[in-house]
Structure formats: structure tokens, C-alpha cells
Amino acid sequence: MGSLQLEDFAAGWIGGAASVIVGHPLDTVKTRLQAGVGYGNTLSCIRMVYRRESVFGFFKGMSFPLASIAVYNSVVFGVFSNTQRFLSQHRCREPEASPPRTLSDLLLASMVAGVVSVGLGGPVDLIKIRLQMQTQPFRDANLGLKSKAMAPVEQPAYQGPVHCITTIVRNEGLAGLYRGASAMLLRDVPGYCLYFIPYVFLSEWITPEACTGPSPCAVWLAGGMAGAISWGTATPMDVVKSRLQADGVYLNKYKGVLDCISQSYQKEGLKVFFRGVTVNAVRGFPMSAAMFLGYELSLQAIRGDHAVTSP
């Protein structure tokens, strides 16, 4: 019913690298807002990070995602494209044709990509967040203080990605690399549905009927809008995931997803689950625009096509 097409994986790798470079500074701000303390709103967080750590503070933890998220996106895009293609061909039973995509095909392919993404992306996200969070002030929960006084971190807990991985495995075992995986699953399965499906329909809607495929401008716009939609709606569970993964750098406060939700709500109210929603949506546009544009243009170059082809 159709063979595995490896060019989707190669194009996903290139797009993933582009998205990391574009989006990591705002990703750092988002993580600090969601899992840190004392940062206030987005602008005050940006000013505080810059004042304390200079411009390099925004790129903390980027080396590991740059090396790994490219591979992660390669697999996600490859799995989505090949699953969707297989479903469409299986439904129409015409292997040589290009059958029209249905919403059900896109939905199922997006869900499969979401599940696969957690298996690969869980440890990547964990290491990235641990490295982003280790220089921020923290509240010493063990002292039982009711005040909001924060203890400064004198020395980072991790010396780099490799040291971070070995420390987590030594202290928590291999399962420690998947801390927050259940929250990530609840974020990514619906998140990828609201990522790929809007992209496909928006790019087709923007593209004139006379054209064989969307233009780079259409890909950039549809990809950016899909990213803003996906990240904006995924924010509540992204907050929970970030807190669970950041938990353990110095202290352990949460027993699981429900405990994290309960503690966060009791201490900070419903608004805590929308912390970082603005930076998530703003960051989602350039990251996803770069992701889809890198994917589509590299796929076009690999296949030798003259028209961009949607995943």
C-alpha cells in the first residue's frame, strides 16, 4: 500500500533545526515564566534574564535541543506524512494515485505523531528545561517558610547536557528521563492535531486553485498560524509539563500530573495555567513558520519538484 518515504524524515530534520534556532530565546522566557518564580509578566522576564545573564541567558540549553530536536522533528514529520499517506491510499486502494486527504486521515496521523513525539521528545524537553531553569532563584520549600523569599543559586546543578543526563539517570534511573511524560502526552496528542490539520487546510485555502502547490509565502503564513493556534491552546498542559520537568533540579514538590494541577491551582488560581500563553502563541508563529518552510523547501529540493508539497 505504498512504501516508506525517507525524504520526509530528512526534510523534517532540516525544518527542526531551523525552528530551534528561531524559537529558543522565547522558549527560555516561556519556561522561566511557567516554572520559575519572581519573573512577573513576559517583558519583565525578558529584562530580568538579560540583566542577570546577558543575551546568552536566552540561549541556555540550546545545544542539546539543536542536536536532538532536529532528529525529533525528523521522526514526527516522517511519521505523520507516511501515516497520512498510508491511510489515504488504504482508503482509496490506489497506491499510484494521490488520493484526497480527509479530516479523519489527518486526525489519526496527527495522533500517531503526537504519541511518537513523547517517546522521543520527553527526555529532550526534560534536559532542555533543566538547563534553562538551573540558574533561576528558587523557593526553599523544605524550610516551610511562608514568605516569598527566594534563595539564590550559587552554582548550577548541571555542567551541561551530558552531565545533566548522567545526574538524572544516577539519581532517578532511566525513568527519570521521562518525568512529565504523561503531561506531555496530554499536551502533544491534541497539540499535533491542532498543528498539522490547520496547516494543511490553511495552506490549501491560501493557495489559488490554478497552482499545483502552496508558495513559500503561503507555507510560511499557514505554518506560523498553525503554530500559534497549537501552542496557544496547549498552554495549560504545557505549564503542568514544564513544572513537572523543572521539579527536581533542587527540590521535589509534585507527585504527578494531578498533584501538580492541584497544588498550582490552590496556590495561584486558574490563571496559572495560562501563564506564558502570550509568549507561547508569539513564539509558535516564527518557530512553526521556520519549521514548515524548512521542511517544504528541503523536501522540494530533495524531490526535485518545482512546487511545494504539503506533508
Protein backbone atom coordinates (compact mmCIF):
# COMPACT_ATOMS: atom_id res chain seq x y z
CA MET A 1 0.00 0.00 0.00
CA GLY A 2 2.87 2.37 -0.53
CA SER A 3 6.46 2.34 0.70
CA LEU A 4 8.12 4.37 3.44
CA GLN A 5 9.35 7.68 2.03
CA LEU A 6 12.58 8.68 3.75
CA GLU A 7 12.75 12.17 2.26
CA ASP A 8 10.04 13.25 4.72
CA PHE A 9 12.40 12.39 7.58
CA ALA A 10 15.33 14.28 6.01
CA ALA A 11 13.19 17.36 5.36
CA GLY A 12 11.83 17.21 8.93
CA TRP A 13 15.41 17.26 10.27
CA ILE A 14 16.22 20.47 8.39
CA GLY A 15 12.96 22.12 9.44
CA GLY A 16 13.52 21.11 13.06
CA ALA A 17 16.97 22.72 13.16
CA ALA A 18 15.55 25.94 11.70
CA SER A 19 12.75 26.07 14.28
CA VAL A 20 15.13 25.62 17.25
CA ILE A 21 17.39 28.47 16.17
CA VAL A 22 14.43 30.81 15.64
CA GLY A 23 12.40 29.89 18.72
CA HIS A 24 14.80 29.03 21.56
CA PRO A 25 15.15 32.53 23.11
CA LEU A 26 11.37 32.85 23.57
CA ASP A 27 11.21 29.21 24.68
CA THR A 28 13.57 30.09 27.53
CA VAL A 29 11.33 33.01 28.51
CA LYS A 30 8.25 30.75 28.35
CA THR A 31 9.87 28.12 30.59
CA ARG A 32 11.02 30.69 33.16
CA LEU A 33 7.50 32.20 33.29
CA GLN A 34 5.82 28.82 33.74
CA ALA A 35 8.16 27.07 36.15
CA GLY A 36 10.16 29.88 37.75
CA VAL A 37 9.35 32.42 40.44
CA GLY A 38 9.66 36.18 40.59
CA TYR A 39 9.51 36.91 36.86
CA GLY A 40 6.14 38.71 36.60
CA ASN A 41 4.99 39.20 33.02
CA THR A 42 6.74 38.47 29.71
CA LEU A 43 8.54 41.82 29.36
CA SER A 44 9.80 41.84 32.94
CA CYS A 45 11.04 38.25 32.48
CA ILE A 46 12.97 39.27 29.33
CA ARG A 47 14.51 42.26 31.14
CA MET A 48 15.42 40.16 34.19
CA VAL A 49 17.06 37.38 32.17
CA TYR A 50 19.03 39.91 30.13
CA ARG A 51 20.12 41.89 33.21
CA ARG A 52 21.25 38.80 35.14
CA GLU A 53 22.64 36.60 32.37
CA SER A 54 23.11 38.91 29.34
CA VAL A 55 21.93 37.84 25.88
CA PHE A 56 23.49 34.39 26.36
CA GLY A 57 20.87 33.64 29.02
CA PHE A 58 18.23 33.31 26.31
CA PHE A 59 20.22 30.55 24.63
CA LYS A 60 20.82 28.40 27.72
CA GLY A 61 20.25 24.74 26.98
CA MET A 62 20.10 25.25 23.20
CA SER A 63 22.96 22.94 22.19
CA PHE A 64 21.09 19.81 23.24
CA PRO A 65 17.78 20.71 21.51
CA LEU A 66 19.64 21.81 18.39
CA ALA A 67 21.28 18.41 18.13
CA SER A 68 18.26 16.38 19.22
CA ILE A 69 15.10 18.27 18.22
CA ALA A 70 16.20 18.15 14.60
CA VAL A 71 16.11 14.35 14.88
CA TYR A 72 12.86 14.55 16.88
CA ASN A 73 11.13 16.67 14.23
CA SER A 74 12.52 14.42 11.54
CA VAL A 75 10.72 11.45 13.08
CA VAL A 76 7.50 13.39 13.86
CA PHE A 77 7.15 14.79 10.33
CA GLY A 78 8.21 11.48 8.77
CA VAL A 79 5.70 9.52 10.85
CA PHE A 80 2.89 12.00 10.18
CA SER A 81 3.48 12.18 6.43
CA ASN A 82 3.87 8.44 5.92
CA THR A 83 0.94 7.55 8.20
CA GLN A 84 -1.36 10.03 6.47
CA ARG A 85 -0.23 8.80 3.05
CA PHE A 86 -0.77 5.15 4.04
CA LEU A 87 -4.26 5.87 5.41
CA SER A 88 -5.29 7.78 2.29
CA GLN A 89 -4.00 5.08 -0.06
CA HIS A 90 -5.52 2.29 2.04
CA ARG A 91 -8.90 4.02 1.97
CA CYS A 92 -8.84 4.54 -1.80
CA ARG A 93 -6.87 1.36 -2.61
CA GLU A 94 -4.99 3.20 -5.35
CA PRO A 95 -1.27 3.08 -4.48
CA GLU A 96 -0.13 5.04 -7.50
CA ALA A 97 -2.65 7.85 -7.17
CA SER A 98 -2.61 10.85 -4.86
CA PRO A 99 -5.95 10.41 -3.11
CA PRO A 100 -7.56 13.41 -1.41
CA ARG A 101 -6.87 13.76 2.30
CA THR A 102 -9.80 13.55 4.69
CA LEU A 103 -10.10 15.04 8.16
CA SER A 104 -10.14 11.54 9.69
CA ASP A 105 -6.83 10.64 7.95
CA LEU A 106 -5.19 13.86 9.17
CA LEU A 107 -6.59 13.40 12.70
CA LEU A 108 -5.34 9.84 13.10
CA ALA A 109 -1.93 10.63 11.57
CA SER A 110 -1.58 13.64 13.92
CA MET A 111 -2.42 11.49 16.95
CA VAL A 112 0.16 8.86 15.97
CA ALA A 113 2.76 11.61 15.52
CA GLY A 114 1.84 13.00 18.96
CA VAL A 115 2.36 9.65 20.69
CA VAL A 116 5.70 9.06 18.92
CA SER A 117 6.79 12.61 19.81
CA VAL A 118 6.54 11.89 23.54
CA GLY A 119 8.72 8.80 23.31
CA LEU A 120 11.48 10.78 21.60
CA GLY A 121 10.85 14.28 22.88
CA GLY A 122 10.30 13.61 26.59
CA PRO A 123 14.00 13.33 27.52
CA VAL A 124 14.91 16.16 25.11
CA ASP A 125 12.38 18.51 26.72
CA LEU A 126 13.43 17.46 30.22
CA ILE A 127 17.14 18.20 29.65
CA LYS A 128 16.34 21.50 27.92
CA ILE A 129 14.12 22.69 30.77
CA ARG A 130 16.53 21.56 33.50
CA LEU A 131 19.34 23.54 31.83
CA GLN A 132 17.07 26.57 31.33
CA MET A 133 15.87 26.57 34.94
CA GLN A 134 19.01 25.83 36.94
CA THR A 135 20.22 29.45 37.21
CA GLN A 136 16.95 30.95 38.42
CA PRO A 137 16.21 31.73 42.10
CA PHE A 138 14.11 29.14 43.88
CA ARG A 139 11.91 28.97 46.95
CA ASP A 140 13.24 26.69 49.67
CA ALA A 141 10.16 24.56 50.34
CA ASN A 142 12.00 22.38 52.84
CA LEU A 143 12.25 25.25 55.31
CA GLY A 144 8.48 25.61 55.41
CA LEU A 145 8.72 29.36 55.03
CA LYS A 146 5.51 31.22 54.33
CA SER A 147 7.38 34.19 52.98
CA LYS A 148 8.18 34.57 49.30
CA ALA A 149 11.88 34.97 49.97
CA MET A 150 13.98 33.26 47.37
CA ALA A 151 17.37 31.66 47.77
CA PRO A 152 19.86 32.48 45.03
CA VAL A 153 21.52 29.64 43.20
CA GLU A 154 25.26 29.96 43.73
CA GLN A 155 26.37 27.12 41.49
CA PRO A 156 24.45 25.48 38.62
CA ALA A 157 23.35 21.92 39.28
CA TYR A 158 24.41 20.74 35.83
CA GLN A 159 27.57 21.47 33.86
CA GLY A 160 25.98 20.68 30.50
CA PRO A 161 23.62 18.28 28.69
CA VAL A 162 25.74 15.14 29.22
CA HIS A 163 26.25 15.88 32.92
CA CYS A 164 22.53 16.60 33.25
CA ILE A 165 21.61 13.23 31.69
CA THR A 166 24.07 11.25 33.83
CA THR A 167 22.94 13.05 37.01
CA ILE A 168 19.25 12.31 36.34
CA VAL A 169 19.92 8.65 35.47
CA ARG A 170 22.14 8.23 38.55
CA ASN A 171 19.60 9.82 40.91
CA GLU A 172 16.29 8.74 39.37
CA GLY A 173 17.09 5.90 36.97
CA LEU A 174 16.13 5.80 33.28
CA ALA A 175 12.51 6.52 34.23
CA GLY A 176 13.69 9.93 35.47
CA LEU A 177 14.30 10.99 31.86
CA TYR A 178 10.54 10.65 31.28
CA ARG A 179 9.41 12.84 34.16
CA GLY A 180 6.34 14.73 32.98
CA ALA A 181 5.76 12.33 30.04
CA SER A 182 2.07 11.86 30.89
CA ALA A 183 1.50 15.62 30.85
CA MET A 184 3.45 15.82 27.60
CA LEU A 185 1.20 13.13 26.11
CA LEU A 186 -1.89 15.11 27.12
CA ARG A 187 -0.31 18.18 25.51
CA ASP A 188 1.08 16.70 22.30
CA VAL A 189 -1.69 14.39 21.06
CA PRO A 190 -4.29 17.18 20.80
CA GLY A 191 -1.47 19.67 20.14
CA TYR A 192 -0.34 17.97 16.95
CA CYS A 193 -3.95 17.66 15.78
CA LEU A 194 -4.18 21.45 16.09
CA TYR A 195 -0.79 21.78 14.38
CA PHE A 196 -0.92 19.67 11.25
CA ILE A 197 -4.66 19.96 10.47
CA PRO A 198 -4.83 23.80 10.48
CA TYR A 199 -1.61 23.90 8.44
CA VAL A 200 -2.95 21.60 5.73
CA PHE A 201 -6.30 23.37 5.42
CA LEU A 202 -4.85 26.91 5.70
CA SER A 203 -2.17 26.26 3.08
CA GLU A 204 -4.77 24.78 0.71
CA TRP A 205 -7.15 27.70 1.38
CA ILE A 206 -4.46 30.34 0.73
CA THR A 207 -3.21 28.63 -2.45
CA PRO A 208 -5.10 29.52 -5.67
CA GLU A 209 -6.73 26.57 -7.44
CA ALA A 210 -4.57 27.10 -10.55
CA CYS A 211 -1.36 26.40 -8.58
CA THR A 212 -0.04 22.87 -8.14
CA GLY A 213 1.15 23.59 -4.60
CA PRO A 214 1.43 26.35 -1.98
CA SER A 215 4.03 29.07 -2.48
CA PRO A 216 6.79 29.60 0.12
CA CYS A 217 4.85 32.65 1.36
CA ALA A 218 1.70 30.53 1.82
CA VAL A 219 3.72 27.86 3.63
CA TRP A 220 5.29 30.48 5.94
CA LEU A 221 1.92 32.06 6.78
CA ALA A 222 -0.02 28.80 7.20
CA GLY A 223 2.80 27.25 9.25
CA GLY A 224 3.04 30.29 11.51
CA MET A 225 -0.71 30.44 12.11
CA ALA A 226 -0.85 26.69 12.81
CA GLY A 227 1.96 27.07 15.34
CA ALA A 228 0.26 29.97 17.11
CA ILE A 229 -3.02 28.02 17.31
CA SER A 230 -1.36 24.81 18.53
CA TRP A 231 0.90 26.39 21.14
CA GLY A 232 -1.77 28.79 22.37
CA THR A 233 -4.28 26.02 23.06
CA ALA A 234 -1.62 23.68 24.51
CA THR A 235 -0.52 26.19 27.17
CA PRO A 236 -2.43 24.80 30.21
CA MET A 237 -0.92 21.33 29.88
CA ASP A 238 2.41 22.86 28.83
CA VAL A 239 2.50 24.68 32.18
CA VAL A 240 1.95 21.40 34.03
CA LYS A 241 4.59 19.63 31.93
CA SER A 242 7.16 22.41 32.47
CA ARG A 243 6.60 22.39 36.23
CA LEU A 244 6.90 18.62 36.47
CA GLN A 245 10.10 18.60 34.41
CA ALA A 246 11.66 21.56 36.23
CA ASP A 247 10.78 19.91 39.55
CA GLY A 248 13.81 18.06 40.79
CA VAL A 249 16.57 20.50 39.86
CA TYR A 250 16.85 21.37 43.56
CA LEU A 251 13.57 20.27 45.18
CA ASN A 252 10.78 17.73 44.58
CA LYS A 253 7.32 19.21 45.07
CA TYR A 254 4.96 17.25 42.80
CA LYS A 255 3.87 13.60 42.90
CA GLY A 256 2.33 13.61 39.43
CA VAL A 257 0.09 15.42 36.95
CA LEU A 258 -2.97 15.68 39.20
CA ASP A 259 -0.90 16.74 42.21
CA CYS A 260 0.83 19.42 40.12
CA ILE A 261 -2.53 20.71 38.85
CA SER A 262 -3.96 20.70 42.37
CA GLN A 263 -1.01 22.46 44.03
CA SER A 264 -0.70 25.02 41.24
CA TYR A 265 -4.41 25.84 41.37
CA GLN A 266 -4.52 26.11 45.18
CA LYS A 267 -1.50 28.43 45.32
CA GLU A 268 -2.01 30.59 42.23
CA GLY A 269 -5.55 30.08 40.96
CA LEU A 270 -6.82 29.28 37.46
CA LYS A 271 -4.69 31.97 35.83
CA VAL A 272 -1.53 29.94 36.46
CA PHE A 273 -2.49 27.53 33.68
CA PHE A 274 -2.43 30.37 31.16
CA ARG A 275 0.97 31.64 32.26
CA GLY A 276 3.12 32.07 29.18
CA VAL A 277 0.15 31.84 26.77
CA THR A 278 1.18 35.07 25.04
CA VAL A 279 4.81 34.10 24.63
CA ASN A 280 3.72 30.59 23.58
CA ALA A 281 1.50 31.93 20.79
CA VAL A 282 4.03 34.58 19.72
CA ARG A 283 6.89 32.05 19.79
CA GLY A 284 4.77 29.48 17.97
CA PHE A 285 4.42 31.64 14.86
CA PRO A 286 8.11 32.12 13.85
CA MET A 287 9.10 28.65 15.08
CA SER A 288 6.43 26.86 13.09
CA ALA A 289 6.82 29.14 10.09
CA ALA A 290 10.54 28.26 10.02
CA MET A 291 9.73 24.60 10.67
CA PHE A 292 7.25 24.18 7.81
CA LEU A 293 9.19 26.40 5.40
CA GLY A 294 12.41 24.49 6.06
CA TYR A 295 10.53 21.20 5.70
CA GLU A 296 8.71 22.08 2.48
CA LEU A 297 11.66 23.75 0.71
CA SER A 298 14.08 20.96 1.58
CA LEU A 299 11.51 18.36 0.53
CA GLN A 300 11.11 20.22 -2.74
CA ALA A 301 14.89 20.25 -3.25
CA ILE A 302 15.27 16.55 -2.38
CA ARG A 303 12.48 15.50 -4.74
CA GLY A 304 13.48 17.96 -7.43
CA ASP A 305 9.97 19.41 -7.52
CA HIS A 306 9.14 22.94 -8.59
CA ALA A 307 6.07 23.24 -6.39
CA VAL A 308 5.95 22.93 -2.62
CA THR A 309 4.14 19.80 -1.47
CA SER A 310 2.28 19.71 1.84
CA PRO A 311 3.10 16.91 4.28
